[in-house]
Amino acid sequence: MMENREYLNALFDIYKELLTTTEQIAFSEHFIEDLSMQEIADNQNISKSSVGKTVQRASEKLENYERILHNYQTKKMLEETLEQDNIKDIKAQISKLLEMDN
């Protein structure tokens, strides 16, 4: 669960501008500020189920953007490449990155 939360937060950092303002606020308050759905609902003067649907929709959008654009995956692979010392390993890693777009 925590790993998924960290993954979603990383995706939010990358793709948040592609979400609506309402989705950004609900996602941020729930996953970053760690507010409960009820607390968010009370703050926004809306129903708890509406908050839940908005957070779910935002999460699904973030995962879909990553499925299409691969920015998170590319970033992780670049970080791994930077840790390599052997030029052959670096070249192999870069080749993998280039093949991702095909």
PDB file of N, CA and C in Angstrom:
ATOM      1  N   MET A   1       0.833  -1.202   0.000  1.00  0.00           N
ATOM      2  CA  MET A   1       0.000   0.000   0.000  1.00  0.00           C
ATOM      3  C   MET A   1       0.870   1.255   0.000  1.00  0.00           C
ATOM      4  N   MET A   2       1.895   1.280   0.863  1.00  0.00           N
ATOM      5  CA  MET A   2       2.767   2.445   0.934  1.00  0.00           C
ATOM      6  C   MET A   2       3.526   2.638  -0.374  1.00  0.00           C
ATOM      7  N   GLU A   3       3.951   1.512  -0.983  1.00  0.00           N
ATOM      8  CA  GLU A   3       4.661   1.602  -2.253  1.00  0.00           C
ATOM      9  C   GLU A   3       3.767   2.217  -3.317  1.00  0.00           C
ATOM     10  N   ASN A   4       2.490   1.823  -3.354  1.00  0.00           N
ATOM     11  CA  ASN A   4       1.555   2.381  -4.320  1.00  0.00           C
ATOM     12  C   ASN A   4       1.359   3.873  -4.063  1.00  0.00           C
ATOM     13  N   ARG A   5       1.292   4.252  -2.815  1.00  0.00           N
ATOM     14  CA  ARG A   5       1.125   5.663  -2.446  1.00  0.00           C
ATOM     15  C   ARG A   5       2.339   6.473  -2.923  1.00  0.00           C
ATOM     16  N   GLU A   6       3.531   5.946  -2.700  1.00  0.00           N
ATOM     17  CA  GLU A   6       4.745   6.636  -3.150  1.00  0.00           C
ATOM     18  C   GLU A   6       4.794   6.727  -4.671  1.00  0.00           C
ATOM     19  N   TYR A   7       4.364   5.655  -5.331  1.00  0.00           N
ATOM     20  CA  TYR A   7       4.319   5.634  -6.797  1.00  0.00           C
ATOM     21  C   TYR A   7       3.336   6.686  -7.306  1.00  0.00           C
ATOM     22  N   LEU A   8       2.146   6.735  -6.725  1.00  0.00           N
ATOM     23  CA  LEU A   8       1.150   7.728  -7.136  1.00  0.00           C
ATOM     24  C   LEU A   8       1.638   9.151  -6.882  1.00  0.00           C
ATOM     25  N   ASN A   9       2.313   9.361  -5.758  1.00  0.00           N
ATOM     26  CA  ASN A   9       2.863  10.692  -5.479  1.00  0.00           C
ATOM     27  C   ASN A   9       3.911  11.079  -6.516  1.00  0.00           C
ATOM     28  N   ALA A  10       4.737  10.119  -6.923  1.00  0.00           N
ATOM     29  CA  ALA A  10       5.749  10.387  -7.955  1.00  0.00           C
ATOM     30  C   ALA A  10       5.071  10.722  -9.281  1.00  0.00           C
ATOM     31  N   LEU A  11       4.016   9.975  -9.603  1.00  0.00           N
ATOM     32  CA  LEU A  11       3.278  10.274 -10.832  1.00  0.00           C
ATOM     33  C   LEU A  11       2.624  11.648 -10.754  1.00  0.00           C
ATOM     34  N   PHE A  12       2.110  11.990  -9.585  1.00  0.00           N
ATOM     35  CA  PHE A  12       1.493  13.304  -9.387  1.00  0.00           C
ATOM     36  C   PHE A  12       2.505  14.416  -9.633  1.00  0.00           C
ATOM     37  N   ASP A  13       3.725  14.232  -9.147  1.00  0.00           N
ATOM     38  CA  ASP A  13       4.771  15.230  -9.375  1.00  0.00           C
ATOM     39  C   ASP A  13       5.024  15.450 -10.868  1.00  0.00           C
ATOM     40  N   ILE A  14       4.934  14.379 -11.625  1.00  0.00           N
ATOM     41  CA  ILE A  14       5.216  14.458 -13.063  1.00  0.00           C
ATOM     42  C   ILE A  14       4.025  14.982 -13.856  1.00  0.00           C
ATOM     43  N   TYR A  15       2.830  14.490 -13.556  1.00  0.00           N
ATOM     44  CA  TYR A  15       1.668  14.717 -14.417  1.00  0.00           C
ATOM     45  C   TYR A  15       0.586  15.623 -13.826  1.00  0.00           C
ATOM     46  N   LYS A  16       0.804  16.228 -12.675  1.00  0.00           N
ATOM     47  CA  LYS A  16      -0.281  16.959 -12.009  1.00  0.00           C
ATOM     48  C   LYS A  16      -0.909  18.044 -12.866  1.00  0.00           C
ATOM     49  N   GLU A  17      -0.133  18.665 -13.738  1.00  0.00           N
ATOM     50  CA  GLU A  17      -0.683  19.734 -14.576  1.00  0.00           C
ATOM     51  C   GLU A  17      -1.709  19.211 -15.577  1.00  0.00           C
ATOM     52  N   LEU A  18      -1.762  17.894 -15.775  1.00  0.00           N
ATOM     53  CA  LEU A  18      -2.728  17.300 -16.698  1.00  0.00           C
ATOM     54  C   LEU A  18      -4.058  16.977 -16.011  1.00  0.00           C
ATOM     55  N   LEU A  19      -4.107  17.157 -14.705  1.00  0.00           N
ATOM     56  CA  LEU A  19      -5.338  16.941 -13.941  1.00  0.00           C
ATOM     57  C   LEU A  19      -6.102  18.249 -13.818  1.00  0.00           C
ATOM     58  N   THR A  20      -7.394  18.134 -13.575  1.00  0.00           N
ATOM     59  CA  THR A  20      -8.183  19.339 -13.304  1.00  0.00           C
ATOM     60  C   THR A  20      -7.771  19.914 -11.953  1.00  0.00           C
ATOM     61  N   THR A  21      -8.116  21.152 -11.715  1.00  0.00           N
ATOM     62  CA  THR A  21      -7.804  21.783 -10.431  1.00  0.00           C
ATOM     63  C   THR A  21      -8.459  21.018  -9.286  1.00  0.00           C
ATOM     64  N   THR A  22      -9.690  20.592  -9.475  1.00  0.00           N
ATOM     65  CA  THR A  22     -10.408  19.826  -8.450  1.00  0.00           C
ATOM     66  C   THR A  22      -9.685  18.515  -8.149  1.00  0.00           C
ATOM     67  N   GLU A  23      -9.238  17.828  -9.193  1.00  0.00           N
ATOM     68  CA  GLU A  23      -8.505  16.575  -9.008  1.00  0.00           C
ATOM     69  C   GLU A  23      -7.176  16.823  -8.311  1.00  0.00           C
ATOM     70  N   GLN A  24      -6.483  17.881  -8.683  1.00  0.00           N
ATOM     71  CA  GLN A  24      -5.200  18.209  -8.046  1.00  0.00           C
ATOM     72  C   GLN A  24      -5.385  18.441  -6.552  1.00  0.00           C
ATOM     73  N   ILE A  25      -6.396  19.212  -6.201  1.00  0.00           N
ATOM     74  CA  ILE A  25      -6.632  19.543  -4.793  1.00  0.00           C
ATOM     75  C   ILE A  25      -6.992  18.290  -3.994  1.00  0.00           C
ATOM     76  N   ALA A  26      -7.942  17.516  -4.506  1.00  0.00           N
ATOM     77  CA  ALA A  26      -8.373  16.304  -3.781  1.00  0.00           C
ATOM     78  C   ALA A  26      -7.225  15.317  -3.639  1.00  0.00           C
ATOM     79  N   PHE A  27      -6.484  15.095  -4.726  1.00  0.00           N
ATOM     80  CA  PHE A  27      -5.359  14.153  -4.677  1.00  0.00           C
ATOM     81  C   PHE A  27      -4.318  14.640  -3.678  1.00  0.00           C
ATOM     82  N   SER A  28      -3.946  15.897  -3.774  1.00  0.00           N
ATOM     83  CA  SER A  28      -2.918  16.466  -2.906  1.00  0.00           C
ATOM     84  C   SER A  28      -3.328  16.400  -1.434  1.00  0.00           C
ATOM     85  N   GLU A  29      -4.552  16.783  -1.150  1.00  0.00           N
ATOM     86  CA  GLU A  29      -5.003  16.764   0.242  1.00  0.00           C
ATOM     87  C   GLU A  29      -5.040  15.340   0.800  1.00  0.00           C
ATOM     88  N   HIS A  30      -5.408  14.383  -0.052  1.00  0.00           N
ATOM     89  CA  HIS A  30      -5.498  13.000   0.444  1.00  0.00           C
ATOM     90  C   HIS A  30      -4.133  12.320   0.522  1.00  0.00           C
ATOM     91  N   PHE A  31      -3.362  12.378  -0.558  1.00  0.00           N
ATOM     92  CA  PHE A  31      -2.111  11.610  -0.615  1.00  0.00           C
ATOM     93  C   PHE A  31      -0.904  12.365  -0.067  1.00  0.00           C
ATOM     94  N   ILE A  32      -0.886  13.677  -0.179  1.00  0.00           N
ATOM     95  CA  ILE A  32       0.288  14.432   0.272  1.00  0.00           C
ATOM     96  C   ILE A  32       0.074  14.996   1.675  1.00  0.00           C
ATOM     97  N   GLU A  33      -1.085  15.624   1.893  1.00  0.00           N
ATOM     98  CA  GLU A  33      -1.369  16.182   3.218  1.00  0.00           C
ATOM     99  C   GLU A  33      -1.947  15.137   4.173  1.00  0.00           C
ATOM    100  N   ASP A  34      -2.254  13.952   3.630  1.00  0.00           N
ATOM    101  CA  ASP A  34      -2.732  12.807   4.416  1.00  0.00           C
ATOM    102  C   ASP A  34      -4.055  13.081   5.140  1.00  0.00           C
ATOM    103  N   LEU A  35      -4.938  13.848   4.498  1.00  0.00           N
ATOM    104  CA  LEU A  35      -6.265  14.077   5.061  1.00  0.00           C
ATOM    105  C   LEU A  35      -7.180  12.919   4.678  1.00  0.00           C
ATOM    106  N   SER A  36      -8.112  12.615   5.542  1.00  0.00           N
ATOM    107  CA  SER A  36      -9.095  11.573   5.235  1.00  0.00           C
ATOM    108  C   SER A  36     -10.095  12.113   4.213  1.00  0.00           C
ATOM    109  N   MET A  37     -10.815  11.200   3.582  1.00  0.00           N
ATOM    110  CA  MET A  37     -11.849  11.607   2.627  1.00  0.00           C
ATOM    111  C   MET A  37     -12.884  12.499   3.318  1.00  0.00           C
ATOM    112  N   GLN A  38     -13.220  12.154   4.561  1.00  0.00           N
ATOM    113  CA  GLN A  38     -14.210  12.941   5.299  1.00  0.00           C
ATOM    114  C   GLN A  38     -13.680  14.348   5.594  1.00  0.00           C
ATOM    115  N   GLU A  39     -12.417  14.458   5.978  1.00  0.00           N
ATOM    116  CA  GLU A  39     -11.842  15.783   6.248  1.00  0.00           C
ATOM    117  C   GLU A  39     -11.851  16.657   4.987  1.00  0.00           C
ATOM    118  N   ILE A  40     -11.513  16.055   3.867  1.00  0.00           N
ATOM    119  CA  ILE A  40     -11.519  16.793   2.602  1.00  0.00           C
ATOM    120  C   ILE A  40     -12.946  17.214   2.267  1.00  0.00           C
ATOM    121  N   ALA A  41     -13.893  16.293   2.432  1.00  0.00           N
ATOM    122  CA  ALA A  41     -15.299  16.592   2.154  1.00  0.00           C
ATOM    123  C   ALA A  41     -15.779  17.752   3.021  1.00  0.00           C
ATOM    124  N   ASP A  42     -15.432  17.718   4.298  1.00  0.00           N
ATOM    125  CA  ASP A  42     -15.824  18.798   5.205  1.00  0.00           C
ATOM    126  C   ASP A  42     -15.201  20.127   4.792  1.00  0.00           C
ATOM    127  N   ASN A  43     -13.915  20.101   4.427  1.00  0.00           N
ATOM    128  CA  ASN A  43     -13.217  21.327   4.012  1.00  0.00           C
ATOM    129  C   ASN A  43     -13.793  21.913   2.727  1.00  0.00           C
ATOM    130  N   GLN A  44     -14.195  21.030   1.804  1.00  0.00           N
ATOM    131  CA  GLN A  44     -14.685  21.463   0.495  1.00  0.00           C
ATOM    132  C   GLN A  44     -16.212  21.624   0.469  1.00  0.00           C
ATOM    133  N   ASN A  45     -16.859  21.220   1.555  1.00  0.00           N
ATOM    134  CA  ASN A  45     -18.318  21.271   1.649  1.00  0.00           C
ATOM    135  C   ASN A  45     -18.988  20.437   0.543  1.00  0.00           C
ATOM    136  N   ILE A  46     -18.451  19.228   0.344  1.00  0.00           N
ATOM    137  CA  ILE A  46     -19.001  18.280  -0.619  1.00  0.00           C
ATOM    138  C   ILE A  46     -19.116  16.918   0.055  1.00  0.00           C
ATOM    139  N   SER A  47     -19.684  15.958  -0.646  1.00  0.00           N
ATOM    140  CA  SER A  47     -19.860  14.635  -0.042  1.00  0.00           C
ATOM    141  C   SER A  47     -18.552  13.843  -0.052  1.00  0.00           C
ATOM    142  N   LYS A  48     -18.477  12.936   0.913  1.00  0.00           N
ATOM    143  CA  LYS A  48     -17.315  12.050   1.011  1.00  0.00           C
ATOM    144  C   LYS A  48     -17.194  11.184  -0.235  1.00  0.00           C
ATOM    145  N   SER A  49     -18.315  10.721  -0.775  1.00  0.00           N
ATOM    146  CA  SER A  49     -18.270   9.881  -1.975  1.00  0.00           C
ATOM    147  C   SER A  49     -17.774  10.672  -3.181  1.00  0.00           C
ATOM    148  N   SER A  50     -18.094  11.933  -3.247  1.00  0.00           N
ATOM    149  CA  SER A  50     -17.601  12.782  -4.335  1.00  0.00           C
ATOM    150  C   SER A  50     -16.082  12.926  -4.265  1.00  0.00           C
ATOM    151  N   VAL A  51     -15.577  13.085  -3.059  1.00  0.00           N
ATOM    152  CA  VAL A  51     -14.125  13.166  -2.866  1.00  0.00           C
ATOM    153  C   VAL A  51     -13.483  11.852  -3.292  1.00  0.00           C
ATOM    154  N   GLY A  52     -14.064  10.742  -2.861  1.00  0.00           N
ATOM    155  CA  GLY A  52     -13.524   9.433  -3.208  1.00  0.00           C
ATOM    156  C   GLY A  52     -13.482   9.211  -4.709  1.00  0.00           C
ATOM    157  N   LYS A  53     -14.545   9.585  -5.380  1.00  0.00           N
ATOM    158  CA  LYS A  53     -14.587   9.444  -6.838  1.00  0.00           C
ATOM    159  C   LYS A  53     -13.548  10.326  -7.513  1.00  0.00           C
ATOM    160  N   THR A  54     -13.376  11.531  -7.012  1.00  0.00           N
ATOM    161  CA  THR A  54     -12.402  12.458  -7.595  1.00  0.00           C
ATOM    162  C   THR A  54     -10.980  11.950  -7.402  1.00  0.00           C
ATOM    163  N   VAL A  55     -10.667  11.465  -6.208  1.00  0.00           N
ATOM    164  CA  VAL A  55      -9.334  10.930  -5.932  1.00  0.00           C
ATOM    165  C   VAL A  55      -9.087   9.688  -6.784  1.00  0.00           C
ATOM    166  N   GLN A  56     -10.080   8.830  -6.906  1.00  0.00           N
ATOM    167  CA  GLN A  56      -9.952   7.628  -7.724  1.00  0.00           C
ATOM    168  C   GLN A  56      -9.738   7.993  -9.190  1.00  0.00           C
ATOM    169  N   ARG A  57     -10.513   8.935  -9.693  1.00  0.00           N
ATOM    170  CA  ARG A  57     -10.380   9.369 -11.089  1.00  0.00           C
ATOM    171  C   ARG A  57      -8.992   9.964 -11.335  1.00  0.00           C
ATOM    172  N   ALA A  58      -8.511  10.773 -10.405  1.00  0.00           N
ATOM    173  CA  ALA A  58      -7.175  11.370 -10.544  1.00  0.00           C
ATOM    174  C   ALA A  58      -6.100  10.291 -10.558  1.00  0.00           C
ATOM    175  N   SER A  59      -6.214   9.315  -9.676  1.00  0.00           N
ATOM    176  CA  SER A  59      -5.239   8.223  -9.616  1.00  0.00           C
ATOM    177  C   SER A  59      -5.227   7.426 -10.917  1.00  0.00           C
ATOM    178  N   GLU A  60      -6.408   7.136 -11.416  1.00  0.00           N
ATOM    179  CA  GLU A  60      -6.505   6.393 -12.673  1.00  0.00           C
ATOM    180  C   GLU A  60      -5.910   7.183 -13.838  1.00  0.00           C
ATOM    181  N   LYS A  61      -6.159   8.482 -13.865  1.00  0.00           N
ATOM    182  CA  LYS A  61      -5.585   9.324 -14.917  1.00  0.00           C
ATOM    183  C   LYS A  61      -4.062   9.323 -14.845  1.00  0.00           C
ATOM    184  N   LEU A  62      -3.523   9.462 -13.652  1.00  0.00           N
ATOM    185  CA  LEU A  62      -2.066   9.474 -13.488  1.00  0.00           C
ATOM    186  C   LEU A  62      -1.457   8.168 -13.992  1.00  0.00           C
ATOM    187  N   GLU A  63      -2.066   7.049 -13.614  1.00  0.00           N
ATOM    188  CA  GLU A  63      -1.550   5.756 -14.063  1.00  0.00           C
ATOM    189  C   GLU A  63      -1.688   5.596 -15.574  1.00  0.00           C
ATOM    190  N   ASN A  64      -2.751   6.122 -16.138  1.00  0.00           N
ATOM    191  CA  ASN A  64      -2.938   6.044 -17.585  1.00  0.00           C
ATOM    192  C   ASN A  64      -1.904   6.912 -18.314  1.00  0.00           C
ATOM    193  N   TYR A  65      -1.642   8.104 -17.802  1.00  0.00           N
ATOM    194  CA  TYR A  65      -0.614   8.957 -18.410  1.00  0.00           C
ATOM    195  C   TYR A  65       0.736   8.245 -18.408  1.00  0.00           C
ATOM    196  N   GLU A  66       1.051   7.591 -17.308  1.00  0.00           N
ATOM    197  CA  GLU A  66       2.331   6.876 -17.230  1.00  0.00           C
ATOM    198  C   GLU A  66       2.355   5.697 -18.196  1.00  0.00           C
ATOM    199  N   ARG A  67       1.247   5.000 -18.314  1.00  0.00           N
ATOM    200  CA  ARG A  67       1.158   3.869 -19.237  1.00  0.00           C
ATOM    201  C   ARG A  67       1.438   4.326 -20.680  1.00  0.00           C
ATOM    202  N   ILE A  68       1.020   5.538 -21.012  1.00  0.00           N
ATOM    203  CA  ILE A  68       1.199   6.056 -22.366  1.00  0.00           C
ATOM    204  C   ILE A  68       2.551   6.743 -22.539  1.00  0.00           C
ATOM    205  N   LEU A  69       2.940   7.571 -21.579  1.00  0.00           N
ATOM    206  CA  LEU A  69       4.108   8.442 -21.745  1.00  0.00           C
ATOM    207  C   LEU A  69       5.412   7.903 -21.154  1.00  0.00           C
ATOM    208  N   HIS A  70       5.335   7.047 -20.167  1.00  0.00           N
ATOM    209  CA  HIS A  70       6.507   6.391 -19.557  1.00  0.00           C
ATOM    210  C   HIS A  70       7.524   7.356 -18.936  1.00  0.00           C
ATOM    211  N   ASN A  71       7.112   8.513 -18.496  1.00  0.00           N
ATOM    212  CA  ASN A  71       8.070   9.461 -17.927  1.00  0.00           C
ATOM    213  C   ASN A  71       8.674   8.973 -16.609  1.00  0.00           C
ATOM    214  N   TYR A  72       7.870   8.370 -15.752  1.00  0.00           N
ATOM    215  CA  TYR A  72       8.374   7.839 -14.485  1.00  0.00           C
ATOM    216  C   TYR A  72       9.364   6.711 -14.746  1.00  0.00           C
ATOM    217  N   GLN A  73       8.978   5.793 -15.630  1.00  0.00           N
ATOM    218  CA  GLN A  73       9.844   4.658 -15.959  1.00  0.00           C
ATOM    219  C   GLN A  73      11.158   5.147 -16.571  1.00  0.00           C
ATOM    220  N   THR A  74      11.087   6.119 -17.452  1.00  0.00           N
ATOM    221  CA  THR A  74      12.290   6.665 -18.078  1.00  0.00           C
ATOM    222  C   THR A  74      13.193   7.298 -17.024  1.00  0.00           C
ATOM    223  N   LYS A  75      12.602   8.051 -16.127  1.00  0.00           N
ATOM    224  CA  LYS A  75      13.383   8.685 -15.056  1.00  0.00           C
ATOM    225  C   LYS A  75      14.106   7.634 -14.211  1.00  0.00           C
ATOM    226  N   LYS A  76      13.394   6.574 -13.843  1.00  0.00           N
ATOM    227  CA  LYS A  76      14.009   5.509 -13.043  1.00  0.00           C
ATOM    228  C   LYS A  76      15.160   4.848 -13.794  1.00  0.00           C
ATOM    229  N   MET A  77      14.964   4.601 -15.082  1.00  0.00           N
ATOM    230  CA  MET A  77      16.026   3.972 -15.873  1.00  0.00           C
ATOM    231  C   MET A  77      17.236   4.901 -16.017  1.00  0.00           C
ATOM    232  N   LEU A  78      16.990   6.183 -16.154  1.00  0.00           N
ATOM    233  CA  LEU A  78      18.102   7.147 -16.228  1.00  0.00           C
ATOM    234  C   LEU A  78      18.868   7.184 -14.907  1.00  0.00           C
ATOM    235  N   GLU A  79      18.147   7.127 -13.798  1.00  0.00           N
ATOM    236  CA  GLU A  79      18.804   7.096 -12.492  1.00  0.00           C
ATOM    237  C   GLU A  79      19.684   5.853 -12.359  1.00  0.00           C
ATOM    238  N   GLU A  80      19.177   4.708 -12.824  1.00  0.00           N
ATOM    239  CA  GLU A  80      19.969   3.471 -12.795  1.00  0.00           C
ATOM    240  C   GLU A  80      21.198   3.592 -13.697  1.00  0.00           C
ATOM    241  N   THR A  81      21.038   4.215 -14.842  1.00  0.00           N
ATOM    242  CA  THR A  81      22.146   4.391 -15.782  1.00  0.00           C
ATOM    243  C   THR A  81      23.251   5.240 -15.159  1.00  0.00           C
ATOM    244  N   LEU A  82      22.874   6.261 -14.431  1.00  0.00           N
ATOM    245  CA  LEU A  82      23.862   7.129 -13.791  1.00  0.00           C
ATOM    246  C   LEU A  82      24.687   6.394 -12.741  1.00  0.00           C
ATOM    247  N   GLU A  83      24.154   5.308 -12.212  1.00  0.00           N
ATOM    248  CA  GLU A  83      24.875   4.522 -11.214  1.00  0.00           C
ATOM    249  C   GLU A  83      25.871   3.555 -11.837  1.00  0.00           C
ATOM    250  N   GLN A  84      25.785   3.347 -13.129  1.00  0.00           N
ATOM    251  CA  GLN A  84      26.661   2.408 -13.821  1.00  0.00           C
ATOM    252  C   GLN A  84      28.074   2.989 -13.976  1.00  0.00           C
ATOM    253  N   ASP A  85      29.072   2.125 -13.867  1.00  0.00           N
ATOM    254  CA  ASP A  85      30.459   2.526 -14.072  1.00  0.00           C
ATOM    255  C   ASP A  85      31.009   2.001 -15.398  1.00  0.00           C
ATOM    256  N   ASN A  86      30.479   0.879 -15.823  1.00  0.00           N
ATOM    257  CA  ASN A  86      30.963   0.212 -17.017  1.00  0.00           C
ATOM    258  C   ASN A  86      30.281   0.790 -18.255  1.00  0.00           C
ATOM    259  N   ILE A  87      31.057   1.228 -19.233  1.00  0.00           N
ATOM    260  CA  ILE A  87      30.503   1.853 -20.434  1.00  0.00           C
ATOM    261  C   ILE A  87      29.575   0.907 -21.194  1.00  0.00           C
ATOM    262  N   LYS A  88      29.861  -0.393 -21.185  1.00  0.00           N
ATOM    263  CA  LYS A  88      28.982  -1.358 -21.855  1.00  0.00           C
ATOM    264  C   LYS A  88      27.612  -1.394 -21.178  1.00  0.00           C
ATOM    265  N   ASP A  89      27.612  -1.353 -19.861  1.00  0.00           N
ATOM    266  CA  ASP A  89      26.346  -1.342 -19.120  1.00  0.00           C
ATOM    267  C   ASP A  89      25.570  -0.056 -19.394  1.00  0.00           C
ATOM    268  N   ILE A  90      26.284   1.045 -19.476  1.00  0.00           N
ATOM    269  CA  ILE A  90      25.645   2.329 -19.768  1.00  0.00           C
ATOM    270  C   ILE A  90      25.016   2.291 -21.156  1.00  0.00           C
ATOM    271  N   LYS A  91      25.762   1.801 -22.131  1.00  0.00           N
ATOM    272  CA  LYS A  91      25.231   1.705 -23.494  1.00  0.00           C
ATOM    273  C   LYS A  91      24.019   0.781 -23.552  1.00  0.00           C
ATOM    274  N   ALA A  92      24.078  -0.322 -22.841  1.00  0.00           N
ATOM    275  CA  ALA A  92      22.957  -1.264 -22.827  1.00  0.00           C
ATOM    276  C   ALA A  92      21.713  -0.605 -22.232  1.00  0.00           C
ATOM    277  N   GLN A  93      21.908   0.137 -21.174  1.00  0.00           N
ATOM    278  CA  GLN A  93      20.789   0.822 -20.518  1.00  0.00           C
ATOM    279  C   GLN A  93      20.196   1.891 -21.438  1.00  0.00           C
ATOM    280  N   ILE A  94      21.049   2.634 -22.138  1.00  0.00           N
ATOM    281  CA  ILE A  94      20.564   3.648 -23.072  1.00  0.00           C
ATOM    282  C   ILE A  94      19.802   2.986 -24.217  1.00  0.00           C
ATOM    283  N   SER A  95      20.275   1.860 -24.688  1.00  0.00           N
ATOM    284  CA  SER A  95      19.580   1.121 -25.737  1.00  0.00           C
ATOM    285  C   SER A  95      18.166   0.726 -25.286  1.00  0.00           C
ATOM    286  N   LYS A  96      18.039   0.268 -24.033  1.00  0.00           N
ATOM    287  CA  LYS A  96      16.736  -0.084 -23.488  1.00  0.00           C
ATOM    288  C   LYS A  96      15.806   1.133 -23.490  1.00  0.00           C
ATOM    289  N   LEU A  97      16.362   2.267 -23.086  1.00  0.00           N
ATOM    290  CA  LEU A  97      15.557   3.496 -23.071  1.00  0.00           C
ATOM    291  C   LEU A  97      15.072   3.863 -24.461  1.00  0.00           C
ATOM    292  N   LEU A  98      15.943   3.744 -25.429  1.00  0.00           N
ATOM    293  CA  LEU A  98      15.570   4.080 -26.809  1.00  0.00           C
ATOM    294  C   LEU A  98      14.536   3.113 -27.375  1.00  0.00           C
ATOM    295  N   GLU A  99      14.586   1.867 -26.963  1.00  0.00           N
ATOM    296  CA  GLU A  99      13.637   0.864 -27.440  1.00  0.00           C
ATOM    297  C   GLU A  99      12.242   1.060 -26.823  1.00  0.00           C
ATOM    298  N   MET A 100      12.151   1.738 -25.694  1.00  0.00           N
ATOM    299  CA  MET A 100      10.865   1.959 -25.043  1.00  0.00           C
ATOM    300  C   MET A 100       9.899   2.725 -25.940  1.00  0.00           C
ATOM    301  N   ASP A 101      10.414   3.598 -26.756  1.00  0.00           N
ATOM    302  CA  ASP A 101       9.535   4.409 -27.609  1.00  0.00           C
ATOM    303  C   ASP A 101       9.015   3.640 -28.800  1.00  0.00           C
ATOM    304  N   ASN A 102       9.627   2.516 -29.120  1.00  0.00           N
ATOM    305  CA  ASN A 102       9.192   1.738 -30.300  1.00  0.00           C
ATOM    306  C   ASN A 102       8.103   0.771 -29.970  1.00  0.00           C
TER     307      ASN A 102
END
